């Protein structure tokens, strides 16, 4: 979906990537300074960070070293900065093709009537995920570092932990415990092969 926030100008004159929206997954707000435009106007930099984007095949990539300038009304990708990072940029027949360091096509953009290359980039703001455990017995088992259920029951009976409900031993095994107890072959005492 093409929205104003997702449109990025591919700028040949821009020395750095600039974003006016707060869509950073990490941002160093200690980095300050000014961006000076061709007409000598200045805008204040409020930080430098990384933006998570989704490319056409559904995978995700990062755009790093992006200045956060909240007063700017557009987002700019610096072609010079992309070249410095090893990206390949080819302009032919009014079309700009952008390839990553592995040669994979990231974008193919046709020039607009205003002779500007506009790129639609889907940005993903990182979200905090929440795990939900419905059974209180399993919740406390995980919360207390996968302690065994016999010990949990004893902690409850001796009232060693305030707020711990009555624990019933479930009729199934913990997957984490099974992986931890999985049999591993020991290292051999003597190597069967050797250099001569």
Protein backbone atom coordinates (compact mmCIF):
# COMPACT_ATOMS: atom_id res chain seq x y z
CA UNK A 1 0.00 0.00 0.00
CA UNK A 2 1.49 3.31 -1.08
CA UNK A 3 1.22 5.89 1.70
CA UNK A 4 3.21 9.06 2.28
CA UNK A 5 5.14 7.37 5.11
CA UNK A 6 6.21 4.48 2.86
CA UNK A 7 7.48 6.65 -0.02
CA UNK A 8 11.23 7.25 -0.11
CA UNK A 9 13.00 9.61 -2.52
CA UNK A 10 16.16 8.14 -4.03
CA UNK A 11 18.50 11.10 -3.75
CA UNK A 12 21.75 11.47 -5.65
CA UNK A 13 22.53 14.76 -3.89
CA UNK A 14 21.84 13.44 -0.36
CA UNK A 15 24.90 12.40 1.64
CA UNK A 16 22.87 10.40 4.19
CA UNK A 17 19.61 8.51 4.55
CA UNK A 18 17.01 10.73 6.26
CA UNK A 19 13.67 9.74 7.79
CA UNK A 20 11.03 12.10 9.14
CA UNK A 21 8.88 9.41 10.78
CA UNK A 22 9.60 7.62 14.03
CA UNK A 23 9.80 4.10 12.56
CA UNK A 24 13.18 3.10 13.98
CA UNK A 25 13.80 -0.26 15.61
CA UNK A 26 16.86 1.24 17.27
CA UNK A 27 17.79 4.90 17.61
CA UNK A 28 20.82 6.59 19.15
CA UNK A 29 19.44 9.94 20.30
CA UNK A 30 22.89 11.11 21.42
CA UNK A 31 23.82 11.79 17.79
CA UNK A 32 22.86 15.38 17.04
CA UNK A 33 23.63 17.86 14.30
CA UNK A 34 22.11 19.60 11.31
CA UNK A 35 21.27 18.66 7.75
CA UNK A 36 22.00 21.52 5.35
CA UNK A 37 20.06 21.62 2.08
CA UNK A 38 21.09 23.12 -1.28
CA UNK A 39 19.18 26.34 -0.48
CA UNK A 40 21.30 26.61 2.76
CA UNK A 41 18.30 25.87 5.01
CA UNK A 42 19.01 23.70 8.06
CA UNK A 43 17.03 21.04 9.90
CA UNK A 44 17.95 19.53 13.26
CA UNK A 45 18.97 15.84 13.57
CA UNK A 46 17.46 14.09 16.61
CA UNK A 47 19.36 10.83 16.28
CA UNK A 48 20.67 8.10 14.01
CA UNK A 49 19.36 4.56 13.80
CA UNK A 50 18.14 1.52 11.93
CA UNK A 51 14.85 0.87 10.15
CA UNK A 52 13.41 -2.59 9.45
CA UNK A 53 11.88 -2.95 5.98
CA UNK A 54 9.97 -5.70 4.21
CA UNK A 55 11.04 -6.37 0.63
CA UNK A 56 8.83 -7.77 -2.14
CA UNK A 57 9.61 -11.46 -1.52
CA UNK A 58 8.40 -11.07 2.09
CA UNK A 59 11.81 -11.19 3.77
CA UNK A 60 13.16 -8.39 5.95
CA UNK A 61 16.24 -6.21 5.67
CA UNK A 62 17.67 -3.31 7.62
CA UNK A 63 18.47 0.22 6.49
CA UNK A 64 21.21 1.42 8.79
CA UNK A 65 22.76 4.82 9.51
CA UNK A 66 19.51 6.72 8.96
CA UNK A 67 19.24 10.22 10.41
CA UNK A 68 16.04 10.96 12.30
CA UNK A 69 14.81 14.44 11.34
CA UNK A 70 11.20 14.83 12.59
CA UNK A 71 10.71 18.21 10.87
CA UNK A 72 11.29 16.81 7.37
CA UNK A 73 8.16 15.85 5.43
CA UNK A 74 9.73 13.16 3.24
CA UNK A 75 12.07 10.21 3.55
CA UNK A 76 15.32 10.14 1.55
CA UNK A 77 17.56 7.21 0.62
CA UNK A 78 21.05 8.36 -0.29
CA UNK A 79 22.30 6.65 -3.45
CA UNK A 80 25.86 7.55 -2.45
CA UNK A 81 25.47 5.85 0.92
CA UNK A 82 24.04 2.73 -0.81
CA UNK A 83 27.03 2.66 -3.18
CA UNK A 84 29.43 2.92 -0.22
CA UNK A 85 27.78 -0.16 1.32
CA UNK A 86 28.31 -2.20 -1.85
CA UNK A 87 24.90 -1.87 -3.50
CA UNK A 88 24.77 -1.75 -7.29
CA UNK A 89 22.78 1.06 -8.90
CA UNK A 90 22.01 1.03 -12.62
CA UNK A 91 19.97 3.64 -14.48
CA UNK A 92 18.81 2.79 -18.00
CA UNK A 93 15.71 3.59 -20.08
CA UNK A 94 14.22 5.84 -17.35
CA UNK A 95 14.44 2.97 -14.82
CA UNK A 96 16.66 2.65 -11.75
CA UNK A 97 17.59 -0.89 -10.70
CA UNK A 98 18.97 -1.42 -7.20
CA UNK A 99 20.79 -4.68 -6.30
CA UNK A 100 22.15 -5.72 -2.92
CA UNK A 101 25.68 -6.97 -2.26
CA UNK A 102 24.67 -10.50 -3.35
CA UNK A 103 23.33 -9.28 -6.72
CA UNK A 104 19.67 -9.74 -5.74
CA UNK A 105 17.33 -7.09 -7.15
CA UNK A 106 15.95 -5.02 -4.28
CA UNK A 107 13.98 -2.54 -6.37
CA UNK A 108 13.25 -1.45 -9.91
CA UNK A 109 11.86 2.09 -10.07
CA UNK A 110 10.64 4.12 -13.05
CA UNK A 111 11.33 7.86 -13.12
CA UNK A 112 8.35 10.16 -12.42
CA UNK A 113 7.21 13.13 -14.54
CA UNK A 114 9.17 15.38 -12.16
CA UNK A 115 12.32 13.36 -12.96
CA UNK A 116 12.42 11.84 -9.47
CA UNK A 117 12.82 8.22 -8.44
CA UNK A 118 10.26 7.30 -5.77
CA UNK A 119 10.52 3.98 -3.95
CA UNK A 120 7.66 2.46 -1.93
CA UNK A 121 9.16 0.71 1.11
CA UNK A 122 7.05 -1.20 3.63
CA UNK A 123 8.52 -0.50 7.06
CA UNK A 124 7.93 -2.74 10.03
CA UNK A 125 7.98 -1.28 13.48
CA UNK A 126 9.17 -3.90 15.95
CA UNK A 127 6.47 -5.13 18.28
CA UNK A 128 6.72 -6.75 21.66
CA UNK A 129 5.23 -10.22 21.67
CA UNK A 130 3.50 -11.71 24.69
CA UNK A 131 3.36 -15.41 25.49
CA UNK A 132 0.20 -16.66 27.12
CA UNK A 133 0.19 -19.77 29.31
CA UNK A 134 -3.27 -20.81 30.52
CA UNK A 135 -2.28 -23.53 32.99
CA UNK A 136 -0.87 -21.99 36.18
CA UNK A 137 1.19 -25.10 36.93
CA UNK A 138 3.13 -24.75 33.65
CA UNK A 139 3.35 -20.98 34.13
CA UNK A 140 5.13 -21.36 37.50
CA UNK A 141 7.26 -24.23 36.17
CA UNK A 142 8.59 -21.90 33.42
CA UNK A 143 8.70 -18.78 35.63
CA UNK A 144 10.91 -20.54 38.18
CA UNK A 145 13.44 -21.72 35.60
CA UNK A 146 11.83 -25.06 34.67
CA UNK A 147 12.09 -26.40 38.23
CA UNK A 148 10.69 -29.95 38.57
CA UNK A 149 7.08 -30.37 39.67
CA UNK A 150 7.97 -32.28 42.84
CA UNK A 151 10.00 -29.27 44.01
CA UNK A 152 7.19 -26.91 43.03
CA UNK A 153 4.74 -28.93 45.11
CA UNK A 154 7.15 -28.88 48.08
CA UNK A 155 7.60 -25.07 47.76
CA UNK A 156 3.82 -24.71 47.89
CA UNK A 157 3.37 -27.04 50.90
CA UNK A 158 6.12 -25.35 52.92
CA UNK A 159 4.83 -21.89 51.90
CA UNK A 160 8.29 -20.85 50.75
CA UNK A 161 6.97 -18.53 48.04
CA UNK A 162 4.17 -16.03 48.57
CA UNK A 163 1.43 -16.14 45.93
CA UNK A 164 2.31 -19.58 44.58
CA UNK A 165 -0.94 -21.52 44.03
CA UNK A 166 -1.43 -25.22 44.74
CA UNK A 167 0.63 -27.15 42.20
CA UNK A 168 -0.64 -30.36 40.60
CA UNK A 169 1.78 -32.60 38.71
CA UNK A 170 0.68 -32.67 35.02
CA UNK A 171 0.53 -35.95 33.10
CA UNK A 172 2.94 -34.81 30.42
CA UNK A 173 6.64 -34.07 30.14
CA UNK A 174 8.21 -30.65 29.60
CA UNK A 175 9.61 -30.28 26.07
CA UNK A 176 12.53 -28.18 27.35
CA UNK A 177 13.41 -30.88 29.88
CA UNK A 178 13.33 -33.57 27.17
CA UNK A 179 15.70 -31.59 24.95
CA UNK A 180 18.03 -30.98 27.90
CA UNK A 181 18.10 -34.68 28.80
CA UNK A 182 18.63 -35.83 25.21
CA UNK A 183 21.43 -38.38 24.89
CA UNK A 184 24.68 -37.10 23.41
CA UNK A 185 27.57 -39.31 22.36
CA UNK A 186 30.71 -38.60 24.35
CA UNK A 187 33.92 -37.54 22.67
CA UNK A 188 36.20 -40.50 21.81
CA UNK A 189 39.34 -40.93 23.95
CA UNK A 190 41.40 -41.59 20.88
CA UNK A 191 40.98 -40.40 17.31
CA UNK A 192 40.33 -43.09 14.72
CA UNK A 193 42.00 -41.01 12.00
CA UNK A 194 45.23 -39.10 12.10
CA UNK A 195 47.81 -37.41 9.93
CA UNK A 196 50.85 -39.40 8.92
